[in-house]
Amino acid sequence: MILFIFEGERREQEIFRTIDNLFLGIDKESICCSFGNNIYQLYETIMSHNDIEIVSILKEWLIKRNDHSLDDYLVSDFSEIFLFFDYDPHSRDIPLNELNNRIIKMLKLFDNETENGKLYINYPMIESIRYTKELPDYNFVKYEIEMEKCSTFKNEAATFSHYKNMDFILLRKKSNTDDKDRIKRNWEYLKEQNIKKANYICYKKNEMPTKKSDIETIKIFNSQLNNYINNHNSIAILNAFPIFLYDYLK
């Protein structure tokens, strides 16, 4: 069984259902749940426990929110665990360097899906999946956002995007075969754009990496720090789901 832990309650699960239908076809049973808060709250919740076992911690957190979706499960029930959260550094009472240190700790803690779990991060948030001109967008590698504009990124992405809504990447109940083919093709473009972008963030090479370990999540974050956040006060726009697809597909 596979556990998917999302920050949000709606958008991430819509995206996951689509990519599962188009690419994954997961034959194992999968459970999706929402933490319902940001990665910094997740960090504080984990650090308040002596045992960092994520399923027990998450179950306790969800029960407080009257969510009983994990009540019947133990960590031993899951062969793989994946977490998807936003970097989203704006409007925090904690200094940026401390937030970044917490992200690094989280990426080191959640670096293997068959152990504690594997953490993927959206830069700056989930709406980065929409931040593109008409696909394929060969300028995607250049896109970044100033740190102080992260608080308005959701609106910024909607204004910037060639697409008026998320229908260009989401399967709906009424989607027909042509819709499915179009959406899958768009995901192929998004996957390539984001993978090349991750390689560019890490190595300044706008090309596919030679191996998957070249764009490990901790390497992407450290490169974001060194090449964008600390030096230019900006973030290179990148989405977690295409990176997950690249990692997961054999």
Protein backbone atom coordinates (compact mmCIF):
# COMPACT_ATOMS: atom_id res chain seq x y z
CA MET A 1 0.00 0.00 0.00
CA ILE A 2 1.21 3.55 -0.78
CA LEU A 3 0.52 6.66 1.31
CA PHE A 4 0.38 10.08 -0.33
CA ILE A 5 0.44 13.05 2.06
CA PHE A 6 -0.51 16.40 0.56
CA GLU A 7 -0.38 19.87 2.04
CA GLY A 8 -3.73 20.95 0.58
CA GLU A 9 -7.10 19.30 0.50
CA ARG A 10 -8.17 19.69 -3.12
CA ARG A 11 -5.71 20.81 -5.80
CA GLU A 12 -2.97 18.26 -5.07
CA GLN A 13 -5.43 15.37 -5.00
CA GLU A 14 -6.97 16.45 -8.32
CA ILE A 15 -3.50 16.48 -9.87
CA PHE A 16 -2.58 13.13 -8.36
CA ARG A 17 -5.76 11.44 -9.60
CA THR A 18 -4.98 12.67 -13.11
CA ILE A 19 -1.35 11.54 -13.23
CA ASP A 20 -2.25 8.22 -11.62
CA ASN A 21 -4.82 7.66 -14.38
CA LEU A 22 -2.49 8.77 -17.18
CA PHE A 23 0.90 7.44 -16.09
CA LEU A 24 1.07 5.49 -12.88
CA GLY A 25 -1.75 3.00 -12.91
CA ILE A 26 -0.72 2.09 -9.40
CA ASP A 27 -1.67 -1.54 -8.88
CA LYS A 28 -1.14 -1.30 -5.13
CA GLU A 29 -3.86 0.26 -3.03
CA SER A 30 -3.09 3.91 -2.33
CA ILE A 31 -4.31 6.21 0.43
CA CYS A 32 -4.35 10.00 -0.05
CA CYS A 33 -4.69 12.39 2.86
CA SER A 34 -4.25 16.09 3.50
CA PHE A 35 -2.16 17.57 6.30
CA GLY A 36 -4.11 20.80 5.88
CA ASN A 37 -1.24 23.09 6.83
CA ASN A 38 2.20 24.14 5.58
CA ILE A 39 5.54 22.38 5.79
CA TYR A 40 6.68 24.57 8.68
CA GLN A 41 3.75 23.38 10.79
CA LEU A 42 4.58 19.82 9.76
CA TYR A 43 8.16 20.40 10.96
CA GLU A 44 6.98 21.70 14.35
CA THR A 45 4.54 18.81 14.70
CA ILE A 46 7.22 16.22 13.96
CA MET A 47 9.80 17.87 16.24
CA SER A 48 7.33 17.86 19.13
CA HIS A 49 7.41 14.05 19.13
CA ASN A 50 10.17 11.78 20.37
CA ASP A 51 9.38 9.25 17.64
CA ILE A 52 9.44 10.68 14.10
CA GLU A 53 7.28 7.89 12.67
CA ILE A 54 5.15 9.90 10.23
CA VAL A 55 2.02 7.71 10.09
CA SER A 56 1.41 7.85 13.85
CA ILE A 57 2.14 11.59 13.95
CA LEU A 58 -0.14 12.26 11.00
CA LYS A 59 -2.92 10.07 12.41
CA GLU A 60 -2.83 12.02 15.69
CA TRP A 61 -2.89 15.35 13.79
CA LEU A 62 -5.79 14.30 11.57
CA ILE A 63 -7.92 13.09 14.48
CA LYS A 64 -7.66 16.59 15.99
CA ARG A 65 -9.15 17.85 12.71
CA ASN A 66 -11.92 15.21 12.91
CA ASP A 67 -10.32 13.35 10.01
CA HIS A 68 -10.25 9.59 10.61
CA SER A 69 -8.91 8.47 7.23
CA LEU A 70 -5.83 6.82 8.78
CA ASP A 71 -7.45 5.36 11.90
CA ASP A 72 -7.25 1.78 10.66
CA TYR A 73 -3.65 1.89 9.40
CA LEU A 74 -0.18 1.31 10.84
CA VAL A 75 3.14 2.37 9.35
CA SER A 76 3.79 -1.30 8.52
CA ASP A 77 0.79 -1.21 6.17
CA PHE A 78 2.63 1.14 3.79
CA SER A 79 5.46 0.06 1.53
CA GLU A 80 5.99 3.62 0.23
CA ILE A 81 5.22 7.10 1.56
CA PHE A 82 5.34 10.32 -0.45
CA LEU A 83 4.85 13.87 0.83
CA PHE A 84 4.08 16.96 -1.29
CA PHE A 85 4.43 20.43 0.24
CA ASP A 86 5.05 24.04 -0.84
CA TYR A 87 8.20 26.03 -0.12
CA ASP A 88 5.99 29.12 0.33
CA PRO A 89 8.35 31.22 2.51
CA HIS A 90 6.28 34.42 2.80
CA SER A 91 4.45 35.83 5.81
CA ARG A 92 6.26 33.82 8.46
CA ASP A 93 7.33 35.06 11.90
CA ILE A 94 10.50 32.95 11.64
CA PRO A 95 13.60 34.35 9.86
CA LEU A 96 14.14 33.04 6.34
CA ASN A 97 17.46 31.35 7.17
CA GLU A 98 15.74 29.34 9.92
CA LEU A 99 12.92 28.35 7.56
CA ASN A 100 15.53 27.16 5.07
CA ASN A 101 17.33 25.17 7.76
CA ARG A 102 14.06 23.47 8.61
CA ILE A 103 13.46 22.57 4.97
CA ILE A 104 16.93 21.03 4.76
CA LYS A 105 16.26 18.96 7.89
CA MET A 106 12.95 17.79 6.44
CA LEU A 107 14.50 16.82 3.10
CA LYS A 108 17.20 14.84 4.89
CA LEU A 109 14.65 13.16 7.13
CA PHE A 110 12.27 12.32 4.28
CA ASP A 111 14.69 11.19 1.59
CA ASN A 112 13.49 7.63 0.92
CA GLU A 113 9.93 6.53 0.18
CA THR A 114 10.51 3.04 1.63
CA GLU A 115 11.81 4.38 4.95
CA ASN A 116 10.53 7.61 6.58
CA GLY A 117 9.04 8.79 3.29
CA LYS A 118 10.08 10.95 0.33
CA LEU A 119 9.39 14.69 0.39
CA TYR A 120 8.78 16.74 -2.78
CA ILE A 121 8.57 20.52 -2.74
CA ASN A 122 6.76 22.99 -5.01
CA TYR A 123 8.59 26.25 -5.67
CA PRO A 124 7.14 28.53 -4.50
CA MET A 125 3.81 26.64 -4.28
CA ILE A 126 1.48 24.18 -6.04
CA GLU A 127 0.35 26.81 -8.57
CA SER A 128 3.77 26.51 -10.23
CA ILE A 129 2.21 23.67 -12.25
CA ARG A 130 0.19 26.34 -14.09
CA TYR A 131 3.00 28.85 -14.61
CA THR A 132 3.60 28.29 -18.31
CA LYS A 133 2.85 29.80 -21.67
CA GLU A 134 1.43 27.58 -24.40
CA LEU A 135 3.04 24.16 -24.20
CA PRO A 136 5.76 23.39 -24.96
CA ASP A 137 7.19 26.54 -23.37
CA TYR A 138 10.88 26.70 -24.19
CA ASN A 139 11.33 29.74 -21.95
CA PHE A 140 10.24 27.87 -18.82
CA VAL A 141 13.86 27.41 -17.77
CA LYS A 142 14.16 31.18 -17.25
CA TYR A 143 11.12 31.70 -15.03
CA GLU A 144 11.68 32.82 -11.48
CA ILE A 145 9.85 35.01 -8.98
CA GLU A 146 11.08 37.57 -6.49
CA MET A 147 10.76 36.43 -2.89
CA GLU A 148 8.55 39.35 -1.90
CA LYS A 149 6.03 38.42 -4.60
CA CYS A 150 5.48 34.86 -3.34
CA SER A 151 2.42 35.93 -1.36
CA THR A 152 0.63 36.82 -4.60
CA PHE A 153 1.99 33.94 -6.69
CA LYS A 154 -1.37 32.20 -7.06
CA ASN A 155 -2.82 35.21 -8.86
CA GLU A 156 0.46 35.77 -10.69
CA ALA A 157 0.35 32.23 -12.08
CA ALA A 158 -3.26 32.62 -13.21
CA THR A 159 -2.45 35.90 -14.99
CA PHE A 160 0.77 34.61 -16.54
CA SER A 161 -0.53 31.27 -17.76
CA HIS A 162 -1.60 30.73 -21.35
CA TYR A 163 -4.42 28.55 -19.97
CA LYS A 164 -7.50 30.16 -18.40
CA ASN A 165 -7.98 27.29 -15.91
CA MET A 166 -6.53 23.93 -14.90
CA ASP A 167 -8.47 21.92 -17.50
CA PHE A 168 -5.35 21.66 -19.65
CA ILE A 169 -3.87 19.19 -17.12
CA LEU A 170 -6.83 17.76 -15.19
CA LEU A 171 -9.04 14.86 -16.18
CA ARG A 172 -12.70 15.50 -15.46
CA LYS A 173 -15.61 13.07 -15.26
CA LYS A 174 -16.73 14.16 -18.71
CA SER A 175 -13.27 13.92 -20.29
CA ASN A 176 -13.33 11.95 -23.55
CA THR A 177 -10.53 10.16 -25.39
CA ASP A 178 -9.40 13.31 -27.20
CA ASP A 179 -9.30 15.20 -23.90
CA LYS A 180 -7.27 12.41 -22.32
CA ASP A 181 -4.76 12.39 -25.19
CA ARG A 182 -4.41 16.19 -25.04
CA ILE A 183 -3.97 16.24 -21.28
CA LYS A 184 -1.42 13.43 -21.36
CA ARG A 185 0.54 15.27 -24.05
CA ASN A 186 0.52 18.42 -21.90
CA TRP A 187 1.82 16.43 -18.94
CA GLU A 188 4.64 15.07 -21.10
CA TYR A 189 5.59 18.67 -21.92
CA LEU A 190 5.35 19.72 -18.28
CA LYS A 191 7.41 16.74 -17.17
CA GLU A 192 10.20 17.54 -19.62
CA GLN A 193 10.13 21.27 -18.82
CA ASN A 194 10.37 20.76 -15.09
CA ILE A 195 13.00 18.02 -15.24
CA LYS A 196 15.22 20.12 -17.49
CA LYS A 197 14.58 23.11 -15.22
CA ALA A 198 15.64 21.11 -12.16
CA ASN A 199 18.84 20.14 -13.98
CA TYR A 200 19.38 23.79 -14.88
CA ILE A 201 18.85 24.89 -11.29
CA CYS A 202 21.46 22.39 -10.13
CA TYR A 203 24.01 22.49 -12.96
CA LYS A 204 23.07 25.32 -15.37
CA LYS A 205 22.33 22.72 -18.05
CA ASN A 206 19.02 23.07 -19.87
CA GLU A 207 18.85 19.39 -20.78
CA MET A 208 17.67 16.09 -19.35
CA PRO A 209 19.86 14.85 -16.49
CA THR A 210 22.06 11.85 -17.15
CA LYS A 211 20.70 10.04 -14.07
CA LYS A 212 17.88 10.51 -11.61
CA SER A 213 20.17 11.17 -8.67
CA ASP A 214 21.40 14.34 -10.44
CA ILE A 215 18.22 16.12 -9.38
CA GLU A 216 17.60 14.68 -5.93
CA THR A 217 15.27 16.86 -3.89
CA ILE A 218 18.00 18.00 -1.49
CA LYS A 219 20.24 18.97 -4.43
CA ILE A 220 17.44 21.03 -5.95
CA PHE A 221 16.84 22.89 -2.68
CA ASN A 222 20.52 23.57 -2.00
CA SER A 223 20.88 24.86 -5.56
CA GLN A 224 17.81 27.06 -5.12
CA LEU A 225 19.50 28.51 -2.05
CA ASN A 226 22.89 29.04 -3.65
CA ASN A 227 21.81 30.17 -7.11
CA TYR A 228 18.56 32.04 -6.47
CA ILE A 229 17.34 32.62 -2.91
CA ASN A 230 20.54 33.79 -1.24
CA ASN A 231 22.15 35.48 -4.25
CA HIS A 232 19.21 36.99 -6.12
CA ASN A 233 16.38 37.02 -3.57
CA SER A 234 14.30 34.98 -6.00
CA ILE A 235 13.01 31.44 -6.50
CA ALA A 236 13.24 29.38 -9.68
CA ILE A 237 9.68 28.25 -10.45
CA LEU A 238 9.42 24.45 -10.30
CA ASN A 239 6.68 21.93 -9.62
CA ALA A 240 7.01 18.74 -7.60
CA PHE A 241 4.68 16.45 -9.53
CA PRO A 242 6.71 16.22 -12.76
CA ILE A 243 9.82 15.53 -10.65
CA PHE A 244 7.93 12.80 -8.80
CA LEU A 245 6.85 11.27 -12.12
CA TYR A 246 10.45 11.25 -13.33
CA ASP A 247 11.56 9.53 -10.12
CA TYR A 248 8.70 7.05 -9.90
CA LEU A 249 8.45 5.84 -13.48
CA LYS A 250 10.97 3.10 -14.11
